[in-house]
Amino acid sequence: MRPEFNAFCHAYMNRLMQPEEATALGDARLIFGEANYWRGADEPMTKDSWSNYDRIAPRYAQRLAQWRRGEITSMVDG
């Protein structure tokens, strides 16, 4: 990952964004449903597949673009 994206990735993955719903977990729930949670270390509810990546990738790109435009912010920006 490029160093300029460290703050975004850290905040997005750790629920440190404003508005609060702009998080990886919230976006995963929105895309894959409420049952998207981890049962155990090796048992993801959402299958690790290219088709699922294709479903979530546009949301990740959207959040990065929003962060770049200042529409969402993080506690670690600076």
N, C-alpha and C. Protein backbone atom coordinates (compact mmCIF):
# COMPACT_ATOMS: atom_id res chain seq x y z
N MET A 1 0.84 -1.16 0.00
CA MET A 1 0.00 0.00 0.00
C MET A 1 0.89 1.23 0.00
N ARG A 2 0.47 2.23 -0.71
CA ARG A 2 1.20 3.50 -0.74
C ARG A 2 1.06 4.21 0.60
N PRO A 3 2.13 4.84 1.08
CA PRO A 3 2.08 5.52 2.37
C PRO A 3 0.98 6.57 2.48
N GLU A 4 0.64 7.23 1.39
CA GLU A 4 -0.39 8.27 1.47
C GLU A 4 -1.79 7.71 1.77
N PHE A 5 -1.96 6.41 1.67
CA PHE A 5 -3.25 5.79 1.96
C PHE A 5 -3.32 5.16 3.35
N ASN A 6 -2.22 5.21 4.10
CA ASN A 6 -2.20 4.57 5.42
C ASN A 6 -3.29 5.10 6.34
N ALA A 7 -3.43 6.40 6.43
CA ALA A 7 -4.43 6.98 7.34
C ALA A 7 -5.84 6.56 6.93
N PHE A 8 -6.14 6.61 5.64
CA PHE A 8 -7.46 6.19 5.18
C PHE A 8 -7.72 4.73 5.52
N CYS A 9 -6.81 3.85 5.18
CA CYS A 9 -7.02 2.41 5.41
C CYS A 9 -7.16 2.10 6.89
N HIS A 10 -6.30 2.70 7.72
CA HIS A 10 -6.39 2.47 9.15
C HIS A 10 -7.76 2.92 9.69
N ALA A 11 -8.17 4.11 9.34
CA ALA A 11 -9.44 4.63 9.84
C ALA A 11 -10.63 3.85 9.30
N TYR A 12 -10.61 3.50 8.02
CA TYR A 12 -11.71 2.79 7.38
C TYR A 12 -11.89 1.40 7.99
N MET A 13 -10.79 0.70 8.21
CA MET A 13 -10.86 -0.65 8.74
C MET A 13 -11.14 -0.68 10.24
N ASN A 14 -10.81 0.38 10.97
CA ASN A 14 -10.95 0.40 12.42
C ASN A 14 -12.09 1.28 12.93
N ARG A 15 -13.02 1.63 12.05
CA ARG A 15 -14.22 2.38 12.41
C ARG A 15 -13.90 3.73 13.06
N LEU A 16 -12.97 4.46 12.44
CA LEU A 16 -12.58 5.77 12.93
C LEU A 16 -12.97 6.88 11.97
N MET A 17 -13.98 6.64 11.14
CA MET A 17 -14.40 7.60 10.13
C MET A 17 -15.59 8.42 10.61
N GLN A 18 -15.71 9.60 10.00
CA GLN A 18 -16.88 10.45 10.19
C GLN A 18 -17.44 10.73 8.81
N PRO A 19 -18.67 10.44 8.50
CA PRO A 19 -19.67 9.90 9.40
C PRO A 19 -19.37 8.44 9.77
N GLU A 20 -19.89 8.00 10.89
CA GLU A 20 -19.58 6.68 11.43
C GLU A 20 -19.93 5.53 10.51
N GLU A 21 -20.95 5.70 9.67
CA GLU A 21 -21.34 4.59 8.80
C GLU A 21 -20.38 4.38 7.64
N ALA A 22 -19.40 5.26 7.47
CA ALA A 22 -18.42 5.12 6.39
C ALA A 22 -17.25 4.26 6.87
N THR A 23 -17.55 2.98 7.13
CA THR A 23 -16.54 2.05 7.61
C THR A 23 -16.58 0.77 6.79
N ALA A 24 -15.50 0.03 6.84
CA ALA A 24 -15.43 -1.24 6.10
C ALA A 24 -16.49 -2.21 6.59
N LEU A 25 -16.68 -2.32 7.90
CA LEU A 25 -17.68 -3.24 8.43
C LEU A 25 -19.09 -2.83 8.00
N GLY A 26 -19.39 -1.56 8.10
CA GLY A 26 -20.71 -1.09 7.67
C GLY A 26 -20.94 -1.32 6.19
N ASP A 27 -19.92 -1.07 5.39
CA ASP A 27 -20.06 -1.29 3.96
C ASP A 27 -20.20 -2.78 3.63
N ALA A 28 -19.47 -3.63 4.34
CA ALA A 28 -19.60 -5.07 4.12
C ALA A 28 -21.01 -5.54 4.48
N ARG A 29 -21.54 -5.02 5.57
CA ARG A 29 -22.92 -5.39 5.94
C ARG A 29 -23.91 -4.93 4.88
N LEU A 30 -23.70 -3.73 4.36
CA LEU A 30 -24.59 -3.20 3.34
C LEU A 30 -24.54 -4.05 2.07
N ILE A 31 -23.35 -4.42 1.65
CA ILE A 31 -23.17 -5.18 0.40
C ILE A 31 -23.55 -6.65 0.57
N PHE A 32 -23.12 -7.27 1.67
CA PHE A 32 -23.28 -8.71 1.84
C PHE A 32 -24.39 -9.12 2.81
N GLY A 33 -24.98 -8.16 3.51
CA GLY A 33 -26.07 -8.48 4.43
C GLY A 33 -25.65 -8.49 5.88
N GLU A 34 -26.63 -8.46 6.74
CA GLU A 34 -26.39 -8.40 8.18
C GLU A 34 -25.63 -9.61 8.72
N ALA A 35 -25.75 -10.75 8.08
CA ALA A 35 -25.10 -11.95 8.59
C ALA A 35 -23.61 -12.01 8.24
N ASN A 36 -23.06 -10.93 7.70
CA ASN A 36 -21.64 -10.93 7.36
C ASN A 36 -20.82 -10.65 8.62
N TYR A 37 -20.41 -11.71 9.28
CA TYR A 37 -19.57 -11.60 10.46
C TYR A 37 -18.64 -12.81 10.48
N TRP A 38 -17.69 -12.83 11.38
CA TRP A 38 -16.71 -13.92 11.44
C TRP A 38 -17.10 -14.92 12.52
N ARG A 39 -17.24 -16.18 12.12
CA ARG A 39 -17.59 -17.24 13.07
C ARG A 39 -16.36 -17.71 13.83
N GLY A 40 -15.27 -17.84 13.13
CA GLY A 40 -14.02 -18.31 13.72
C GLY A 40 -12.87 -17.82 12.88
N ALA A 41 -11.68 -18.10 13.30
CA ALA A 41 -10.49 -17.59 12.60
C ALA A 41 -10.45 -17.99 11.13
N ASP A 42 -10.94 -19.17 10.80
CA ASP A 42 -10.86 -19.66 9.42
C ASP A 42 -12.22 -19.84 8.75
N GLU A 43 -13.28 -19.25 9.30
CA GLU A 43 -14.62 -19.49 8.78
C GLU A 43 -15.37 -18.20 8.45
N PRO A 44 -14.99 -17.51 7.39
CA PRO A 44 -15.72 -16.29 7.05
C PRO A 44 -17.11 -16.62 6.53
N MET A 45 -18.08 -15.79 6.87
CA MET A 45 -19.44 -15.98 6.35
C MET A 45 -19.51 -15.64 4.86
N THR A 46 -18.78 -14.62 4.45
CA THR A 46 -18.76 -14.23 3.05
C THR A 46 -17.61 -14.96 2.36
N LYS A 47 -17.93 -15.69 1.34
CA LYS A 47 -16.94 -16.49 0.64
C LYS A 47 -15.87 -15.59 0.02
N ASP A 48 -14.62 -16.01 0.16
CA ASP A 48 -13.49 -15.31 -0.44
C ASP A 48 -13.44 -15.70 -1.92
N SER A 49 -13.97 -14.80 -2.76
CA SER A 49 -14.05 -15.11 -4.19
C SER A 49 -13.93 -13.82 -5.00
N TRP A 50 -13.57 -13.96 -6.27
CA TRP A 50 -13.49 -12.78 -7.14
C TRP A 50 -14.85 -12.13 -7.32
N SER A 51 -15.89 -12.92 -7.35
CA SER A 51 -17.23 -12.32 -7.53
C SER A 51 -17.60 -11.46 -6.33
N ASN A 52 -17.24 -11.88 -5.12
CA ASN A 52 -17.51 -11.04 -3.95
C ASN A 52 -16.60 -9.83 -3.92
N TYR A 53 -15.36 -9.99 -4.36
CA TYR A 53 -14.46 -8.84 -4.48
C TYR A 53 -15.07 -7.82 -5.45
N ASP A 54 -15.57 -8.32 -6.57
CA ASP A 54 -16.18 -7.42 -7.56
C ASP A 54 -17.39 -6.69 -6.98
N ARG A 55 -18.06 -7.28 -6.02
CA ARG A 55 -19.21 -6.62 -5.39
C ARG A 55 -18.78 -5.51 -4.44
N ILE A 56 -17.71 -5.71 -3.68
CA ILE A 56 -17.31 -4.74 -2.66
C ILE A 56 -16.30 -3.70 -3.18
N ALA A 57 -15.54 -4.03 -4.19
CA ALA A 57 -14.50 -3.12 -4.69
C ALA A 57 -15.02 -1.73 -5.07
N PRO A 58 -16.15 -1.61 -5.74
CA PRO A 58 -16.64 -0.27 -6.06
C PRO A 58 -16.92 0.57 -4.81
N ARG A 59 -17.38 -0.05 -3.73
CA ARG A 59 -17.65 0.70 -2.50
C ARG A 59 -16.33 1.17 -1.88
N TYR A 60 -15.31 0.31 -1.89
CA TYR A 60 -14.00 0.73 -1.38
C TYR A 60 -13.47 1.92 -2.19
N ALA A 61 -13.60 1.85 -3.50
CA ALA A 61 -13.15 2.95 -4.36
C ALA A 61 -13.95 4.21 -4.09
N GLN A 62 -15.25 4.06 -3.87
CA GLN A 62 -16.10 5.21 -3.57
C GLN A 62 -15.67 5.86 -2.26
N ARG A 63 -15.41 5.07 -1.23
CA ARG A 63 -15.00 5.63 0.07
C ARG A 63 -13.66 6.34 -0.04
N LEU A 64 -12.72 5.78 -0.78
CA LEU A 64 -11.43 6.45 -0.97
C LEU A 64 -11.62 7.78 -1.68
N ALA A 65 -12.45 7.80 -2.70
CA ALA A 65 -12.72 9.04 -3.44
C ALA A 65 -13.38 10.07 -2.53
N GLN A 66 -14.32 9.64 -1.69
CA GLN A 66 -14.97 10.56 -0.75
C GLN A 66 -13.96 11.14 0.24
N TRP A 67 -13.05 10.31 0.71
CA TRP A 67 -12.02 10.75 1.65
C TRP A 67 -11.09 11.77 0.98
N ARG A 68 -10.72 11.49 -0.25
CA ARG A 68 -9.85 12.42 -0.99
C ARG A 68 -10.52 13.78 -1.18
N ARG A 69 -11.83 13.79 -1.40
CA ARG A 69 -12.58 15.04 -1.60
C ARG A 69 -12.94 15.73 -0.28
N GLY A 70 -12.68 15.08 0.84
CA GLY A 70 -12.99 15.65 2.14
C GLY A 70 -14.43 15.44 2.58
N GLU A 71 -15.16 14.60 1.86
CA GLU A 71 -16.56 14.33 2.22
C GLU A 71 -16.68 13.43 3.45
N ILE A 72 -15.68 12.59 3.67
CA ILE A 72 -15.56 11.83 4.90
C ILE A 72 -14.18 12.09 5.46
N THR A 73 -14.06 12.02 6.75
CA THR A 73 -12.78 12.28 7.41
C THR A 73 -12.51 11.18 8.43
N SER A 74 -11.28 11.15 8.89
CA SER A 74 -10.91 10.18 9.90
C SER A 74 -10.21 10.85 11.07
N MET A 75 -10.22 10.17 12.19
CA MET A 75 -9.54 10.69 13.38
C MET A 75 -8.04 10.69 13.21
N VAL A 76 -7.52 9.99 12.21
CA VAL A 76 -6.08 9.89 12.02
C VAL A 76 -5.59 10.73 10.84
N ASP A 77 -6.48 11.52 10.24
CA ASP A 77 -6.06 12.42 9.16
C ASP A 77 -5.10 13.45 9.75
N GLY A 78 -4.14 13.84 8.95
CA GLY A 78 -3.27 14.89 9.44
C GLY A 78 -2.01 14.86 8.75
